[in-house]
């Protein structure tokens, strides 16, 4: 498993390493800190990325899970870590503003990088 914490645009090698968790699906599980604008990706479960970011000082309410598909340059706003009684009652992010922030940060770090 190759989890990376990104504060800047990913390299092709980092994308390749993050894809090793789901090589057949060509998918990267990611967790985005929308407050600090950092991203962790490459684990088999969103929870593992979440734990790394919490260890880096991120606040739980700012962490959102999603899946990135580099071949299609698309994002899926779905993760078990997104279930929060006060913020979000689904595995899918319900707040459009949060979705926009997760997508903006994800594209700035992972978008247009050829694995």
Protein backbone atom coordinates (compact mmCIF):
# COMPACT_ATOMS: atom_id res chain seq x y z
CA UNK A 1 0.00 0.00 0.00
CA UNK A 2 1.34 3.38 -1.00
CA UNK A 3 -0.42 6.20 0.81
CA UNK A 4 0.76 9.69 -0.03
CA UNK A 5 -0.09 12.93 1.73
CA UNK A 6 -0.12 15.65 -0.90
CA UNK A 7 0.26 19.36 -0.39
CA UNK A 8 1.25 19.95 -4.02
CA UNK A 9 0.52 18.44 -7.44
CA UNK A 10 1.20 14.70 -7.55
CA UNK A 11 3.91 13.26 -9.76
CA UNK A 12 3.23 10.45 -12.24
CA UNK A 13 5.09 8.08 -9.93
CA UNK A 14 2.92 9.02 -6.95
CA UNK A 15 -0.23 8.41 -9.02
CA UNK A 16 1.12 5.01 -10.10
CA UNK A 17 1.91 4.11 -6.49
CA UNK A 18 -1.53 5.21 -5.26
CA UNK A 19 -3.18 3.10 -7.97
CA UNK A 20 -1.61 -0.11 -6.59
CA UNK A 21 -4.44 -0.53 -4.05
CA UNK A 22 -7.01 -0.91 -6.88
CA UNK A 23 -5.07 -1.65 -10.09
CA UNK A 24 -7.96 -3.36 -11.89
CA UNK A 25 -10.40 -0.53 -11.18
CA UNK A 26 -7.79 2.19 -11.81
CA UNK A 27 -9.15 4.04 -8.78
CA UNK A 28 -7.55 5.95 -5.91
CA UNK A 29 -9.32 6.23 -2.57
CA UNK A 30 -8.70 9.74 -1.28
CA UNK A 31 -9.47 11.84 1.78
CA UNK A 32 -9.40 15.61 1.39
CA UNK A 33 -8.94 18.15 4.17
CA UNK A 34 -10.96 21.07 2.81
CA UNK A 35 -9.69 23.49 5.48
CA UNK A 36 -5.94 22.87 5.12
CA UNK A 37 -6.19 21.93 1.44
CA UNK A 38 -4.26 18.68 1.66
CA UNK A 39 -5.10 15.24 0.33
CA UNK A 40 -4.17 11.69 1.31
CA UNK A 41 -4.63 8.88 -1.16
CA UNK A 42 -3.64 5.37 -2.07
CA UNK A 43 -5.04 3.19 0.71
CA UNK A 44 -7.36 0.22 0.53
CA UNK A 45 -9.80 2.02 2.83
CA UNK A 46 -10.60 5.71 3.25
CA UNK A 47 -10.21 5.22 6.99
CA UNK A 48 -6.45 4.72 6.62
CA UNK A 49 -6.01 8.02 4.80
CA UNK A 50 -8.27 9.71 7.34
CA UNK A 51 -6.12 8.45 10.22
CA UNK A 52 -2.95 9.78 8.60
CA UNK A 53 -4.47 13.22 8.14
CA UNK A 54 -5.78 13.26 11.72
CA UNK A 55 -2.23 12.45 12.80
CA UNK A 56 -1.05 15.47 10.80
CA UNK A 57 -3.39 17.73 12.76
CA UNK A 58 -6.46 17.78 10.51
CA UNK A 59 -9.87 18.22 12.17
CA UNK A 60 -12.44 15.46 11.62
CA UNK A 61 -15.15 17.84 10.40
CA UNK A 62 -12.90 18.96 7.53
CA UNK A 63 -12.09 15.47 6.19
CA UNK A 64 -14.12 14.06 3.31
CA UNK A 65 -13.68 10.78 1.45
CA UNK A 66 -13.99 10.27 -2.29
CA UNK A 67 -12.68 8.12 -5.14
CA UNK A 68 -10.56 9.48 -7.99
CA UNK A 69 -10.48 7.83 -11.41
CA UNK A 70 -7.41 9.22 -13.20
CA UNK A 71 -8.17 7.68 -16.59
CA UNK A 72 -11.54 9.45 -16.76
CA UNK A 73 -10.45 12.43 -14.63
CA UNK A 74 -13.60 11.90 -12.59
CA UNK A 75 -14.49 11.87 -8.91
CA UNK A 76 -17.05 9.95 -6.88
CA UNK A 77 -18.05 11.59 -3.58
CA UNK A 78 -18.66 8.35 -1.71
CA UNK A 79 -17.09 6.96 1.46
CA UNK A 80 -18.17 5.51 4.79
CA UNK A 81 -16.17 8.23 6.58
CA UNK A 82 -18.63 10.80 5.18
CA UNK A 83 -21.43 9.60 7.48
CA UNK A 84 -21.78 12.19 10.26
CA UNK A 85 -25.02 12.73 12.16
CA UNK A 86 -24.60 16.52 12.39
CA UNK A 87 -23.01 17.14 8.99
CA UNK A 88 -23.88 14.42 6.50
CA UNK A 89 -26.28 11.49 6.88
CA UNK A 90 -25.07 9.51 3.86
CA UNK A 91 -21.92 7.92 2.48
CA UNK A 92 -22.32 10.39 -0.39
CA UNK A 93 -21.40 14.00 0.36
CA UNK A 94 -24.71 15.90 0.38
CA UNK A 95 -23.49 19.50 0.61
CA UNK A 96 -22.77 20.92 -2.85
CA UNK A 97 -20.24 23.41 -1.44
CA UNK A 98 -18.25 20.61 0.18
CA UNK A 99 -18.38 18.61 -3.06
CA UNK A 100 -17.08 21.63 -4.96
CA UNK A 101 -14.19 22.07 -2.52
CA UNK A 102 -13.28 18.37 -2.55
CA UNK A 103 -13.33 18.38 -6.35
CA UNK A 104 -11.32 21.60 -6.66
CA UNK A 105 -8.58 20.36 -4.30
CA UNK A 106 -8.54 16.89 -5.88
CA UNK A 107 -8.20 18.26 -9.41
CA UNK A 108 -5.44 20.66 -8.32
CA UNK A 109 -3.38 17.75 -6.92
CA UNK A 110 -4.35 14.80 -9.13
CA UNK A 111 -5.88 16.26 -12.27
CA UNK A 112 -4.08 16.02 -15.60
CA UNK A 113 -1.27 13.84 -14.24
CA UNK A 114 -0.61 10.85 -16.50
CA UNK A 115 0.05 7.69 -14.47
